[in-house]
């Protein structure tokens, strides 16, 4: 699901002033189903890992 306020956020002075944004050290995370116990935790961890590895490249 897209983040509906993404364009508004990226235009924000506060967002643009953050050091990690200036260094382009941010990324979106794929949506995951959060109701499902341990498997949901696994899918969430995998989504975070994938996003962080994309930043590192």
N, C-alpha and C. Protein backbone atom coordinates (compact mmCIF):
# COMPACT_ATOMS: atom_id res chain seq x y z
N UNK A 1 0.83 -1.18 0.00
CA UNK A 1 0.00 0.00 0.00
C UNK A 1 0.88 1.25 0.00
N UNK A 2 0.56 2.19 -0.82
CA UNK A 2 1.36 3.42 -0.85
C UNK A 2 1.09 4.28 0.39
N UNK A 3 2.06 5.08 0.74
CA UNK A 3 1.91 6.05 1.82
C UNK A 3 1.30 7.30 1.21
N UNK A 4 0.05 7.56 1.52
CA UNK A 4 -0.69 8.64 0.86
C UNK A 4 -0.12 10.03 1.09
N UNK A 5 0.59 10.23 2.16
CA UNK A 5 1.13 11.55 2.50
C UNK A 5 2.61 11.70 2.13
N UNK A 6 3.13 10.77 1.34
CA UNK A 6 4.56 10.79 1.02
C UNK A 6 5.01 12.09 0.35
N UNK A 7 4.27 12.54 -0.64
CA UNK A 7 4.65 13.77 -1.34
C UNK A 7 4.65 14.96 -0.39
N UNK A 8 3.65 15.03 0.46
CA UNK A 8 3.56 16.13 1.44
C UNK A 8 4.73 16.07 2.42
N UNK A 9 5.06 14.87 2.86
CA UNK A 9 6.18 14.70 3.79
C UNK A 9 7.49 15.15 3.16
N UNK A 10 7.74 14.73 1.93
CA UNK A 10 9.01 15.05 1.28
C UNK A 10 9.18 16.54 1.00
N UNK A 11 8.07 17.28 0.94
CA UNK A 11 8.15 18.74 0.76
C UNK A 11 8.35 19.47 2.08
N UNK A 12 8.16 18.78 3.17
CA UNK A 12 8.25 19.39 4.50
C UNK A 12 9.66 19.89 4.80
N UNK A 13 9.75 21.09 5.33
CA UNK A 13 11.04 21.66 5.73
C UNK A 13 11.71 20.78 6.78
N UNK A 14 10.93 20.31 7.75
CA UNK A 14 11.48 19.47 8.82
C UNK A 14 12.09 18.19 8.25
N UNK A 15 11.38 17.53 7.33
CA UNK A 15 11.88 16.30 6.71
C UNK A 15 13.18 16.56 5.98
N UNK A 16 13.21 17.61 5.19
CA UNK A 16 14.39 17.93 4.39
C UNK A 16 15.59 18.34 5.25
N UNK A 17 15.34 18.79 6.47
CA UNK A 17 16.42 19.21 7.36
C UNK A 17 17.06 18.06 8.13
N UNK A 18 16.45 16.90 8.12
CA UNK A 18 16.98 15.77 8.89
C UNK A 18 18.25 15.23 8.23
N UNK A 19 19.30 15.00 9.03
CA UNK A 19 20.59 14.55 8.47
C UNK A 19 20.50 13.26 7.66
N UNK A 20 19.71 12.29 8.10
CA UNK A 20 19.64 11.04 7.35
C UNK A 20 18.94 11.23 6.00
N UNK A 21 18.06 12.21 5.91
CA UNK A 21 17.40 12.51 4.63
C UNK A 21 18.40 13.18 3.70
N UNK A 22 19.14 14.13 4.22
CA UNK A 22 20.15 14.82 3.41
C UNK A 22 21.19 13.84 2.86
N UNK A 23 21.51 12.82 3.64
CA UNK A 23 22.48 11.81 3.22
C UNK A 23 21.83 10.69 2.40
N UNK A 24 20.52 10.78 2.19
CA UNK A 24 19.74 9.77 1.46
C UNK A 24 19.85 8.39 2.10
N UNK A 25 19.83 8.36 3.43
CA UNK A 25 19.88 7.11 4.18
C UNK A 25 18.51 6.74 4.71
N UNK A 26 17.55 6.64 3.83
CA UNK A 26 16.20 6.22 4.20
C UNK A 26 15.60 5.43 3.04
N UNK A 27 14.60 4.65 3.35
CA UNK A 27 13.95 3.83 2.34
C UNK A 27 12.57 3.45 2.87
N UNK A 28 11.68 3.10 1.99
CA UNK A 28 10.37 2.61 2.43
C UNK A 28 10.48 1.12 2.75
N UNK A 29 9.50 0.63 3.47
CA UNK A 29 9.45 -0.78 3.84
C UNK A 29 8.16 -1.36 3.26
N UNK A 30 8.26 -2.51 2.65
CA UNK A 30 7.08 -3.16 2.06
C UNK A 30 6.04 -3.45 3.14
N UNK A 31 4.76 -3.34 2.80
CA UNK A 31 3.73 -3.64 3.79
C UNK A 31 3.71 -5.13 4.13
N UNK A 32 3.44 -5.44 5.38
CA UNK A 32 3.31 -6.83 5.82
C UNK A 32 2.07 -6.96 6.70
N UNK A 33 1.50 -8.14 6.72
CA UNK A 33 0.35 -8.42 7.56
C UNK A 33 0.84 -8.59 8.99
N UNK A 34 0.32 -7.78 9.91
CA UNK A 34 0.87 -7.77 11.26
C UNK A 34 0.11 -8.64 12.25
N UNK A 35 -0.90 -9.35 11.80
CA UNK A 35 -1.66 -10.22 12.69
C UNK A 35 -1.38 -11.66 12.31
N UNK A 36 -0.64 -12.36 13.15
CA UNK A 36 -0.33 -13.74 12.82
C UNK A 36 0.79 -14.31 13.66
N UNK A 37 1.08 -13.69 14.77
CA UNK A 37 2.06 -14.25 15.69
C UNK A 37 3.48 -14.23 15.16
N UNK A 38 4.17 -15.33 15.41
CA UNK A 38 5.60 -15.42 15.09
C UNK A 38 5.88 -15.25 13.60
N UNK A 39 5.03 -15.75 12.76
CA UNK A 39 5.27 -15.63 11.31
C UNK A 39 5.19 -14.16 10.87
N UNK A 40 4.30 -13.41 11.48
CA UNK A 40 4.22 -11.98 11.16
C UNK A 40 5.50 -11.27 11.55
N UNK A 41 6.06 -11.64 12.69
CA UNK A 41 7.34 -11.06 13.11
C UNK A 41 8.44 -11.39 12.10
N UNK A 42 8.42 -12.61 11.62
CA UNK A 42 9.42 -13.02 10.63
C UNK A 42 9.28 -12.20 9.35
N UNK A 43 8.05 -12.07 8.84
CA UNK A 43 7.84 -11.32 7.60
C UNK A 43 8.21 -9.84 7.78
N UNK A 44 7.92 -9.29 8.96
CA UNK A 44 8.29 -7.91 9.24
C UNK A 44 9.80 -7.76 9.26
N UNK A 45 10.49 -8.67 9.92
CA UNK A 45 11.95 -8.64 9.97
C UNK A 45 12.55 -8.76 8.58
N UNK A 46 11.99 -9.62 7.75
CA UNK A 46 12.48 -9.78 6.39
C UNK A 46 12.28 -8.50 5.57
N UNK A 47 11.14 -7.85 5.75
CA UNK A 47 10.87 -6.60 5.03
C UNK A 47 11.85 -5.51 5.46
N UNK A 48 12.10 -5.40 6.78
CA UNK A 48 13.06 -4.42 7.28
C UNK A 48 14.46 -4.72 6.75
N UNK A 49 14.84 -5.98 6.77
CA UNK A 49 16.17 -6.37 6.30
C UNK A 49 16.35 -6.01 4.84
N UNK A 50 15.36 -6.33 4.02
CA UNK A 50 15.44 -6.02 2.59
C UNK A 50 15.60 -4.52 2.37
N UNK A 51 14.81 -3.73 3.09
CA UNK A 51 14.87 -2.28 2.94
C UNK A 51 16.23 -1.73 3.37
N UNK A 52 16.76 -2.21 4.49
CA UNK A 52 18.06 -1.74 4.97
C UNK A 52 19.19 -2.15 4.03
N UNK A 53 19.11 -3.34 3.46
CA UNK A 53 20.14 -3.77 2.52
C UNK A 53 20.12 -2.94 1.25
N UNK A 54 18.94 -2.48 0.83
CA UNK A 54 18.85 -1.62 -0.34
C UNK A 54 19.55 -0.28 -0.08
N UNK A 55 19.44 0.23 1.14
CA UNK A 55 20.12 1.48 1.48
C UNK A 55 21.63 1.29 1.44
N UNK A 56 22.09 0.14 1.90
CA UNK A 56 23.53 -0.12 2.01
C UNK A 56 24.21 -0.25 0.65
N UNK A 57 23.47 -0.50 -0.38
CA UNK A 57 24.08 -0.69 -1.70
C UNK A 57 24.50 0.59 -2.34
